[in-house]
Amino acid sequence: MKMIPWNPLAINGARNLIACVVIGIYLLVTRHKLKINPTVLLGAVSLAGVTTMYAIANKLTTAGNTIILQYTAPIWIMVMMYLFFHKRPNRTGIISILIVFAGILCFFFEGLSTGKWLGDLVALLSGVFYAGVFMLNSFEKGDALSSVFLGQLICGIVLSPLMRYEADFSTPVLLSVFFLGAVQVGLAYIFFTTGTKIMDPLTASIINALEPILNPVLVAIFYGERLGRLSLVGAVIVICGILYYNVKEAMTSTEKG
């Protein structure tokens, strides 16, 4: 995404249009019935918000900041559950919230000095939308794949026309856009939704934590972009806070099961 010289909205429209085709083929092959109801549609809007905010943030701040702040979704789920359903977080949740917010402050203190605070804020908003996706898909009438497909379709239809304002349609750019759509979004969601069904929650939580760790490492190697010192401290704090919550909750779930 960093290497594509397009407006982030155009990139997001194109990659979601391609991902929509990939998910659509998967739905047909697996004969997964597409569900359309208010819960699924709200999940689709949340998914569209996640991918759009992520694309914008990626151009305004570092890729590491973007993925790590999006990864705060579990914290926002607890906040939403308290605000909308008056369900207080447990002791593990409260500790995790305090740890993660301490990490978030590190990002924004550095963002104020580097001018990347707006990108960090948009990335954080991406995490809020991501929380909405998880919440709505856990409802009785929710369906993860249907929400993903419809959310990608929304972004593809609304944003892909912005490509006509772009000038660079060279082979490397088009291949990068195709890779983003087919692999980074399309196959990624298929693997994620399938993996969480056949894997125990503890293992899934630990493996999922690899994404915000590998992202800044790979970007540093292949693109030369590195986290600032304060952001690096914030990244470690946020990942530890989320991993602590995921592992503790997964262990509790396993013990109850």
C-alpha atoms as a PDB file:
ATOM      1  CA  MET A   1       0.000   0.000   0.000  1.00  0.00           C
ATOM      2  CA  LYS A   2       2.897   2.350   0.762  1.00  0.00           C
ATOM      3  CA  MET A   3       4.360   1.735  -2.690  1.00  0.00           C
ATOM      4  CA  ILE A   4       1.148   2.487  -4.632  1.00  0.00           C
ATOM      5  CA  PRO A   5       1.120   6.198  -5.630  1.00  0.00           C
ATOM      6  CA  TRP A   6      -2.685   6.471  -5.498  1.00  0.00           C
ATOM      7  CA  ASN A   7      -5.159   8.229  -3.260  1.00  0.00           C
ATOM      8  CA  PRO A   8      -5.908   5.843  -0.320  1.00  0.00           C
ATOM      9  CA  LEU A   9      -9.628   5.854  -1.148  1.00  0.00           C
ATOM     10  CA  ALA A  10      -8.927   4.717  -4.707  1.00  0.00           C
ATOM     11  CA  ILE A  11      -6.633   1.973  -3.394  1.00  0.00           C
ATOM     12  CA  ASN A  12      -9.275   0.817  -0.950  1.00  0.00           C
ATOM     13  CA  GLY A  13     -11.982   0.776  -3.599  1.00  0.00           C
ATOM     14  CA  ALA A  14      -9.869  -1.259  -6.016  1.00  0.00           C
ATOM     15  CA  ARG A  15      -8.607  -3.788  -3.462  1.00  0.00           C
ATOM     16  CA  ASN A  16     -12.098  -4.338  -2.034  1.00  0.00           C
ATOM     17  CA  LEU A  17     -13.572  -4.845  -5.507  1.00  0.00           C
ATOM     18  CA  ILE A  18     -11.004  -7.589  -6.148  1.00  0.00           C
ATOM     19  CA  ALA A  19     -11.512  -9.057  -2.655  1.00  0.00           C
ATOM     20  CA  CYS A  20     -15.261  -9.089  -3.234  1.00  0.00           C
ATOM     21  CA  VAL A  21     -14.756 -11.339  -6.271  1.00  0.00           C
ATOM     22  CA  VAL A  22     -12.487 -13.684  -4.246  1.00  0.00           C
ATOM     23  CA  ILE A  23     -14.972 -13.925  -1.355  1.00  0.00           C
ATOM     24  CA  GLY A  24     -17.872 -14.294  -3.809  1.00  0.00           C
ATOM     25  CA  ILE A  25     -16.187 -17.270  -5.489  1.00  0.00           C
ATOM     26  CA  TYR A  26     -15.551 -18.798  -2.057  1.00  0.00           C
ATOM     27  CA  LEU A  27     -19.222 -18.372  -1.111  1.00  0.00           C
ATOM     28  CA  LEU A  28     -20.286 -20.127  -4.312  1.00  0.00           C
ATOM     29  CA  VAL A  29     -17.786 -22.990  -3.960  1.00  0.00           C
ATOM     30  CA  THR A  30     -18.664 -23.637  -0.314  1.00  0.00           C
ATOM     31  CA  ARG A  31     -22.388 -22.992  -0.941  1.00  0.00           C
ATOM     32  CA  HIS A  32     -22.407 -20.545   1.939  1.00  0.00           C
ATOM     33  CA  LYS A  33     -25.763 -18.778   1.801  1.00  0.00           C
ATOM     34  CA  LEU A  34     -25.492 -15.000   1.718  1.00  0.00           C
ATOM     35  CA  LYS A  35     -27.475 -13.477   4.572  1.00  0.00           C
ATOM     36  CA  ILE A  36     -28.939  -9.987   4.454  1.00  0.00           C
ATOM     37  CA  ASN A  37     -30.474  -8.519   7.589  1.00  0.00           C
ATOM     38  CA  PRO A  38     -29.917  -5.369   9.712  1.00  0.00           C
ATOM     39  CA  THR A  39     -27.188  -7.020  11.800  1.00  0.00           C
ATOM     40  CA  VAL A  40     -25.264  -8.254   8.752  1.00  0.00           C
ATOM     41  CA  LEU A  41     -25.628  -4.870   7.040  1.00  0.00           C
ATOM     42  CA  LEU A  42     -24.313  -3.007  10.088  1.00  0.00           C
ATOM     43  CA  GLY A  43     -21.423  -5.456  10.124  1.00  0.00           C
ATOM     44  CA  ALA A  44     -20.817  -4.685   6.445  1.00  0.00           C
ATOM     45  CA  VAL A  45     -20.757  -0.933   7.137  1.00  0.00           C
ATOM     46  CA  SER A  46     -18.304  -1.558   9.990  1.00  0.00           C
ATOM     47  CA  LEU A  47     -16.099  -3.641   7.677  1.00  0.00           C
ATOM     48  CA  ALA A  48     -16.179  -0.869   5.072  1.00  0.00           C
ATOM     49  CA  GLY A  49     -15.172   1.567   7.808  1.00  0.00           C
ATOM     50  CA  VAL A  50     -12.277  -0.654   8.912  1.00  0.00           C
ATOM     51  CA  THR A  51     -10.722  -0.998   5.464  1.00  0.00           C
ATOM     52  CA  THR A  52     -11.286   2.669   4.557  1.00  0.00           C
ATOM     53  CA  MET A  53      -9.837   4.080   7.790  1.00  0.00           C
ATOM     54  CA  TYR A  54      -6.912   1.635   7.554  1.00  0.00           C
ATOM     55  CA  ALA A  55      -6.091   2.756   4.008  1.00  0.00           C
ATOM     56  CA  ILE A  56      -6.223   6.451   4.930  1.00  0.00           C
ATOM     57  CA  ALA A  57      -4.172   5.978   8.116  1.00  0.00           C
ATOM     58  CA  ASN A  58      -1.523   4.001   6.228  1.00  0.00           C
ATOM     59  CA  LYS A  59      -0.790   7.058   4.105  1.00  0.00           C
ATOM     60  CA  LEU A  60      -0.800   9.507   7.048  1.00  0.00           C
ATOM     61  CA  THR A  61       1.287   7.604   9.585  1.00  0.00           C
ATOM     62  CA  THR A  62       3.569   4.570   9.721  1.00  0.00           C
ATOM     63  CA  ALA A  63       2.245   1.125   8.786  1.00  0.00           C
ATOM     64  CA  GLY A  64       3.271  -0.121  12.241  1.00  0.00           C
ATOM     65  CA  ASN A  65       1.246   2.568  14.018  1.00  0.00           C
ATOM     66  CA  THR A  66      -1.738   1.814  11.783  1.00  0.00           C
ATOM     67  CA  ILE A  67      -1.951  -1.931  12.404  1.00  0.00           C
ATOM     68  CA  ILE A  68      -1.177  -1.724  16.117  1.00  0.00           C
ATOM     69  CA  LEU A  69      -3.819   0.953  16.754  1.00  0.00           C
ATOM     70  CA  GLN A  70      -6.335  -1.063  14.720  1.00  0.00           C
ATOM     71  CA  TYR A  71      -5.413  -4.006  16.915  1.00  0.00           C
ATOM     72  CA  THR A  72      -6.973  -2.190  19.920  1.00  0.00           C
ATOM     73  CA  ALA A  73     -10.392  -3.503  18.769  1.00  0.00           C
ATOM     74  CA  PRO A  74     -10.914  -5.832  21.801  1.00  0.00           C
ATOM     75  CA  ILE A  75     -10.634  -2.824  24.106  1.00  0.00           C
ATOM     76  CA  TRP A  76     -13.298  -0.926  22.159  1.00  0.00           C
ATOM     77  CA  ILE A  77     -15.550  -4.002  22.268  1.00  0.00           C
ATOM     78  CA  MET A  78     -15.453  -3.854  26.070  1.00  0.00           C
ATOM     79  CA  VAL A  79     -16.148  -0.107  26.005  1.00  0.00           C
ATOM     80  CA  MET A  80     -19.102  -0.565  23.611  1.00  0.00           C
ATOM     81  CA  MET A  81     -20.515  -3.436  25.651  1.00  0.00           C
ATOM     82  CA  TYR A  82     -20.478  -1.173  28.714  1.00  0.00           C
ATOM     83  CA  LEU A  83     -21.926   1.874  26.943  1.00  0.00           C
ATOM     84  CA  PHE A  84     -24.682   0.117  24.971  1.00  0.00           C
ATOM     85  CA  PHE A  85     -25.442  -2.996  27.035  1.00  0.00           C
ATOM     86  CA  HIS A  86     -24.252  -1.890  30.502  1.00  0.00           C
ATOM     87  CA  LYS A  87     -22.006  -4.961  30.742  1.00  0.00           C
ATOM     88  CA  ARG A  88     -19.073  -4.093  32.949  1.00  0.00           C
ATOM     89  CA  PRO A  89     -15.676  -5.524  31.921  1.00  0.00           C
ATOM     90  CA  ASN A  90     -14.131  -8.052  34.301  1.00  0.00           C
ATOM     91  CA  ARG A  91     -10.852  -7.543  36.172  1.00  0.00           C
ATOM     92  CA  THR A  92      -8.830  -8.820  33.206  1.00  0.00           C
ATOM     93  CA  GLY A  93     -10.645  -6.415  30.893  1.00  0.00           C
ATOM     94  CA  ILE A  94     -10.088  -3.387  33.132  1.00  0.00           C
ATOM     95  CA  ILE A  95      -6.358  -4.129  33.463  1.00  0.00           C
ATOM     96  CA  SER A  96      -6.102  -4.566  29.674  1.00  0.00           C
ATOM     97  CA  ILE A  97      -7.914  -1.282  29.017  1.00  0.00           C
ATOM     98  CA  LEU A  98      -5.548   0.633  31.307  1.00  0.00           C
ATOM     99  CA  ILE A  99      -2.456  -0.983  29.725  1.00  0.00           C
ATOM    100  CA  VAL A 100      -3.628  -0.331  26.150  1.00  0.00           C
ATOM    101  CA  PHE A 101      -4.583   3.287  26.795  1.00  0.00           C
ATOM    102  CA  ALA A 102      -1.117   3.870  28.275  1.00  0.00           C
ATOM    103  CA  GLY A 103       0.327   2.552  24.993  1.00  0.00           C
ATOM    104  CA  ILE A 104      -2.041   4.711  22.919  1.00  0.00           C
ATOM    105  CA  LEU A 105      -0.838   7.821  24.778  1.00  0.00           C
ATOM    106  CA  CYS A 106       2.734   7.018  23.680  1.00  0.00           C
ATOM    107  CA  PHE A 107       1.621   7.034  20.025  1.00  0.00           C
ATOM    108  CA  PHE A 108      -0.135  10.374  20.332  1.00  0.00           C
ATOM    109  CA  PHE A 109       2.616  12.089  22.302  1.00  0.00           C
ATOM    110  CA  GLU A 110       5.030  11.183  19.503  1.00  0.00           C
ATOM    111  CA  GLY A 111       2.417  12.044  16.864  1.00  0.00           C
ATOM    112  CA  LEU A 112       2.156  15.595  18.224  1.00  0.00           C
ATOM    113  CA  SER A 113       5.889  16.111  17.691  1.00  0.00           C
ATOM    114  CA  THR A 114       6.096  14.385  14.282  1.00  0.00           C
ATOM    115  CA  GLY A 115       2.822  15.706  12.842  1.00  0.00           C
ATOM    116  CA  LYS A 116       1.421  12.200  12.362  1.00  0.00           C
ATOM    117  CA  TRP A 117      -1.225  12.495  15.091  1.00  0.00           C
ATOM    118  CA  LEU A 118      -4.062  12.661  12.536  1.00  0.00           C
ATOM    119  CA  GLY A 119      -2.990   9.342  10.994  1.00  0.00           C
ATOM    120  CA  ASP A 120      -2.818   7.795  14.466  1.00  0.00           C
ATOM    121  CA  LEU A 121      -6.314   9.093  15.214  1.00  0.00           C
ATOM    122  CA  VAL A 122      -7.716   7.621  11.972  1.00  0.00           C
ATOM    123  CA  ALA A 123      -5.976   4.306  12.751  1.00  0.00           C
ATOM    124  CA  LEU A 124      -7.587   4.304  16.184  1.00  0.00           C
ATOM    125  CA  LEU A 125     -10.966   4.915  14.523  1.00  0.00           C
ATOM    126  CA  SER A 126     -10.243   1.877  12.352  1.00  0.00           C
ATOM    127  CA  GLY A 127      -9.955  -0.133  15.563  1.00  0.00           C
ATOM    128  CA  VAL A 128     -13.374   1.155  16.689  1.00  0.00           C
ATOM    129  CA  PHE A 129     -14.956  -0.002  13.400  1.00  0.00           C
ATOM    130  CA  TYR A 130     -13.132  -3.336  13.734  1.00  0.00           C
ATOM    131  CA  ALA A 131     -14.702  -3.763  17.163  1.00  0.00           C
ATOM    132  CA  GLY A 132     -18.098  -3.207  15.546  1.00  0.00           C
ATOM    133  CA  VAL A 133     -17.407  -6.009  13.056  1.00  0.00           C
ATOM    134  CA  PHE A 134     -16.604  -8.488  15.830  1.00  0.00           C
ATOM    135  CA  MET A 135     -19.554  -7.426  17.979  1.00  0.00           C
ATOM    136  CA  LEU A 136     -22.161  -7.626  15.221  1.00  0.00           C
ATOM    137  CA  ASN A 137     -20.867 -10.940  13.887  1.00  0.00           C
ATOM    138  CA  SER A 138     -21.237 -12.485  17.346  1.00  0.00           C
ATOM    139  CA  PHE A 139     -24.954 -11.657  17.434  1.00  0.00           C
ATOM    140  CA  GLU A 140     -27.458 -14.410  16.695  1.00  0.00           C
ATOM    141  CA  LYS A 141     -28.333 -13.040  13.245  1.00  0.00           C
ATOM    142  CA  GLY A 142     -24.770 -12.080  12.395  1.00  0.00           C
ATOM    143  CA  ASP A 143     -22.750 -13.805   9.674  1.00  0.00           C
ATOM    144  CA  ALA A 144     -19.068 -12.938   9.270  1.00  0.00           C
ATOM    145  CA  LEU A 145     -18.640 -13.916   5.624  1.00  0.00           C
ATOM    146  CA  SER A 146     -21.830 -12.146   4.532  1.00  0.00           C
ATOM    147  CA  SER A 147     -20.754  -8.955   6.305  1.00  0.00           C
ATOM    148  CA  VAL A 148     -17.264  -9.173   4.788  1.00  0.00           C
ATOM    149  CA  PHE A 149     -18.610  -9.727   1.263  1.00  0.00           C
ATOM    150  CA  LEU A 150     -21.184  -6.921   1.469  1.00  0.00           C
ATOM    151  CA  GLY A 151     -18.706  -4.531   3.117  1.00  0.00           C
ATOM    152  CA  GLN A 152     -16.198  -5.135   0.341  1.00  0.00           C
ATOM    153  CA  LEU A 153     -18.944  -4.685  -2.246  1.00  0.00           C
ATOM    154  CA  ILE A 154     -19.928  -1.334  -0.710  1.00  0.00           C
ATOM    155  CA  CYS A 155     -16.326  -0.070  -0.801  1.00  0.00           C
ATOM    156  CA  GLY A 156     -15.770  -1.423  -4.290  1.00  0.00           C
ATOM    157  CA  ILE A 157     -18.854   0.257  -5.769  1.00  0.00           C
ATOM    158  CA  VAL A 158     -18.466   3.581  -3.937  1.00  0.00           C
ATOM    159  CA  LEU A 159     -14.688   4.074  -4.036  1.00  0.00           C
ATOM    160  CA  SER A 160     -13.294   2.238  -7.085  1.00  0.00           C
ATOM    161  CA  PRO A 161     -14.555   4.954  -9.520  1.00  0.00           C
ATOM    162  CA  LEU A 162     -11.923   7.235  -7.938  1.00  0.00           C
ATOM    163  CA  MET A 163      -9.299   5.287  -9.898  1.00  0.00           C
ATOM    164  CA  ARG A 164     -10.137   7.388 -12.955  1.00  0.00           C
ATOM    165  CA  TYR A 165      -8.328  10.309 -11.305  1.00  0.00           C
ATOM    166  CA  GLU A 166      -5.078   8.331 -11.016  1.00  0.00           C
ATOM    167  CA  ALA A 167      -2.290   8.558 -13.582  1.00  0.00           C
ATOM    168  CA  ASP A 168       0.021   5.634 -12.797  1.00  0.00           C
ATOM    169  CA  PHE A 169      -1.317   2.301 -14.066  1.00  0.00           C
ATOM    170  CA  SER A 170       2.057   0.650 -14.558  1.00  0.00           C
ATOM    171  CA  THR A 171       2.427  -3.109 -14.151  1.00  0.00           C
ATOM    172  CA  PRO A 172       4.035  -2.936 -10.657  1.00  0.00           C
ATOM    173  CA  VAL A 173       1.204  -0.713  -9.406  1.00  0.00           C
ATOM    174  CA  LEU A 174      -1.554  -2.915 -10.837  1.00  0.00           C
ATOM    175  CA  LEU A 175       0.093  -6.085  -9.508  1.00  0.00           C
ATOM    176  CA  SER A 176       0.374  -4.477  -6.060  1.00  0.00           C
ATOM    177  CA  VAL A 177      -3.313  -3.519  -6.091  1.00  0.00           C
ATOM    178  CA  PHE A 178      -4.285  -7.037  -7.202  1.00  0.00           C
ATOM    179  CA  PHE A 179      -2.151  -8.549  -4.431  1.00  0.00           C
ATOM    180  CA  LEU A 180      -3.792  -6.301  -1.836  1.00  0.00           C
ATOM    181  CA  GLY A 181      -7.266  -7.303  -2.957  1.00  0.00           C
ATOM    182  CA  ALA A 182      -6.776 -11.015  -3.571  1.00  0.00           C
ATOM    183  CA  VAL A 183      -4.361 -11.864  -0.742  1.00  0.00           C
ATOM    184  CA  GLN A 184      -4.243  -9.121   1.898  1.00  0.00           C
ATOM    185  CA  VAL A 185      -8.045  -8.758   2.081  1.00  0.00           C
ATOM    186  CA  GLY A 186      -9.775 -11.601   0.205  1.00  0.00           C
ATOM    187  CA  LEU A 187      -7.805 -14.708   1.178  1.00  0.00           C
ATOM    188  CA  ALA A 188      -6.912 -13.215   4.567  1.00  0.00           C
ATOM    189  CA  TYR A 189     -10.561 -13.048   5.647  1.00  0.00           C
ATOM    190  CA  ILE A 190     -11.254 -16.537   4.285  1.00  0.00           C
ATOM    191  CA  PHE A 191      -8.302 -17.995   6.213  1.00  0.00           C
ATOM    192  CA  PHE A 192      -9.206 -16.045   9.353  1.00  0.00           C
ATOM    193  CA  THR A 193     -12.886 -17.050   9.470  1.00  0.00           C
ATOM    194  CA  THR A 194     -11.982 -20.676   8.666  1.00  0.00           C
ATOM    195  CA  GLY A 195      -9.081 -20.877  11.112  1.00  0.00           C
ATOM    196  CA  THR A 196     -11.048 -19.578  14.084  1.00  0.00           C
ATOM    197  CA  LYS A 197     -13.597 -22.356  13.543  1.00  0.00           C
ATOM    198  CA  ILE A 198     -11.091 -25.235  13.689  1.00  0.00           C
ATOM    199  CA  MET A 199      -8.592 -23.874  16.224  1.00  0.00           C
ATOM    200  CA  ASP A 200      -8.888 -23.448  19.971  1.00  0.00           C
ATOM    201  CA  PRO A 201      -9.266 -19.801  21.100  1.00  0.00           C
ATOM    202  CA  LEU A 202      -5.956 -19.681  23.001  1.00  0.00           C
ATOM    203  CA  THR A 203      -3.879 -20.712  19.973  1.00  0.00           C
ATOM    204  CA  ALA A 204      -5.880 -18.403  17.709  1.00  0.00           C
ATOM    205  CA  SER A 205      -5.274 -15.459  20.068  1.00  0.00           C
ATOM    206  CA  ILE A 206      -1.518 -16.034  20.163  1.00  0.00           C
ATOM    207  CA  ILE A 207      -1.216 -16.475  16.384  1.00  0.00           C
ATOM    208  CA  ASN A 208      -3.360 -13.378  15.783  1.00  0.00           C
ATOM    209  CA  ALA A 209      -0.883 -11.364  17.870  1.00  0.00           C
ATOM    210  CA  LEU A 210       1.803 -12.027  15.235  1.00  0.00           C
ATOM    211  CA  GLU A 211       0.210  -9.531  12.799  1.00  0.00           C
ATOM    212  CA  PRO A 212       1.017  -6.286  14.670  1.00  0.00           C
ATOM    213  CA  ILE A 213       4.477  -7.679  15.484  1.00  0.00           C
ATOM    214  CA  LEU A 214       5.393  -8.774  11.947  1.00  0.00           C
ATOM    215  CA  ASN A 215       3.890  -5.728  10.200  1.00  0.00           C
ATOM    216  CA  PRO A 216       6.406  -3.080  11.362  1.00  0.00           C
ATOM    217  CA  VAL A 217       9.274  -5.585  11.026  1.00  0.00           C
ATOM    218  CA  LEU A 218       8.437  -6.430   7.403  1.00  0.00           C
ATOM    219  CA  VAL A 219       7.799  -2.784   6.498  1.00  0.00           C
ATOM    220  CA  ALA A 220      11.175  -1.828   7.987  1.00  0.00           C
ATOM    221  CA  ILE A 221      12.916  -4.555   5.944  1.00  0.00           C
ATOM    222  CA  PHE A 222      11.208  -3.995   2.583  1.00  0.00           C
ATOM    223  CA  TYR A 223      10.228  -0.307   2.724  1.00  0.00           C
ATOM    224  CA  GLY A 224      12.681   1.199   5.199  1.00  0.00           C
ATOM    225  CA  GLU A 225       9.982   2.727   7.402  1.00  0.00           C
ATOM    226  CA  ARG A 226      10.609   2.437  11.145  1.00  0.00           C
ATOM    227  CA  LEU A 227       8.617   3.230  14.257  1.00  0.00           C
ATOM    228  CA  GLY A 228       9.761   6.152  16.360  1.00  0.00           C
ATOM    229  CA  ARG A 229      11.177   5.403  19.813  1.00  0.00           C
ATOM    230  CA  LEU A 230       8.052   6.447  21.713  1.00  0.00           C
ATOM    231  CA  SER A 231       5.789   4.649  19.225  1.00  0.00           C
ATOM    232  CA  LEU A 232       7.905   1.514  19.644  1.00  0.00           C
ATOM    233  CA  VAL A 233       7.383   1.693  23.402  1.00  0.00           C
ATOM    234  CA  GLY A 234       3.658   2.228  22.813  1.00  0.00           C
ATOM    235  CA  ALA A 235       3.553  -0.732  20.411  1.00  0.00           C
ATOM    236  CA  VAL A 236       5.071  -3.072  22.991  1.00  0.00           C
ATOM    237  CA  ILE A 237       2.634  -1.844  25.649  1.00  0.00           C
ATOM    238  CA  VAL A 238      -0.444  -2.202  23.396  1.00  0.00           C
ATOM    239  CA  ILE A 239       0.519  -5.673  22.153  1.00  0.00           C
ATOM    240  CA  CYS A 240       1.218  -6.853  25.710  1.00  0.00           C
ATOM    241  CA  GLY A 241      -2.124  -5.464  26.889  1.00  0.00           C
ATOM    242  CA  ILE A 242      -4.134  -7.102  24.101  1.00  0.00           C
ATOM    243  CA  LEU A 243      -2.213 -10.374  24.303  1.00  0.00           C
ATOM    244  CA  TYR A 244      -2.749 -10.450  28.077  1.00  0.00           C
ATOM    245  CA  TYR A 245      -6.495 -10.022  27.608  1.00  0.00           C
ATOM    246  CA  ASN A 246      -6.781 -12.547  24.748  1.00  0.00           C
ATOM    247  CA  VAL A 247      -4.752 -15.240  26.528  1.00  0.00           C
ATOM    248  CA  LYS A 248      -6.514 -14.806  29.884  1.00  0.00           C
ATOM    249  CA  GLU A 249      -9.974 -14.870  28.284  1.00  0.00           C
ATOM    250  CA  ALA A 250      -9.065 -17.842  26.075  1.00  0.00           C
ATOM    251  CA  MET A 251      -7.739 -19.776  29.082  1.00  0.00           C
ATOM    252  CA  THR A 252     -10.914 -19.020  31.034  1.00  0.00           C
ATOM    253  CA  SER A 253     -13.043 -20.135  28.065  1.00  0.00           C
ATOM    254  CA  THR A 254     -11.050 -23.359  27.730  1.00  0.00           C
ATOM    255  CA  GLU A 255     -11.392 -24.127  31.451  1.00  0.00           C
ATOM    256  CA  LYS A 256     -15.166 -23.596  31.303  1.00  0.00           C
ATOM    257  CA  GLY A 257     -15.409 -25.750  28.163  1.00  0.00           C
END
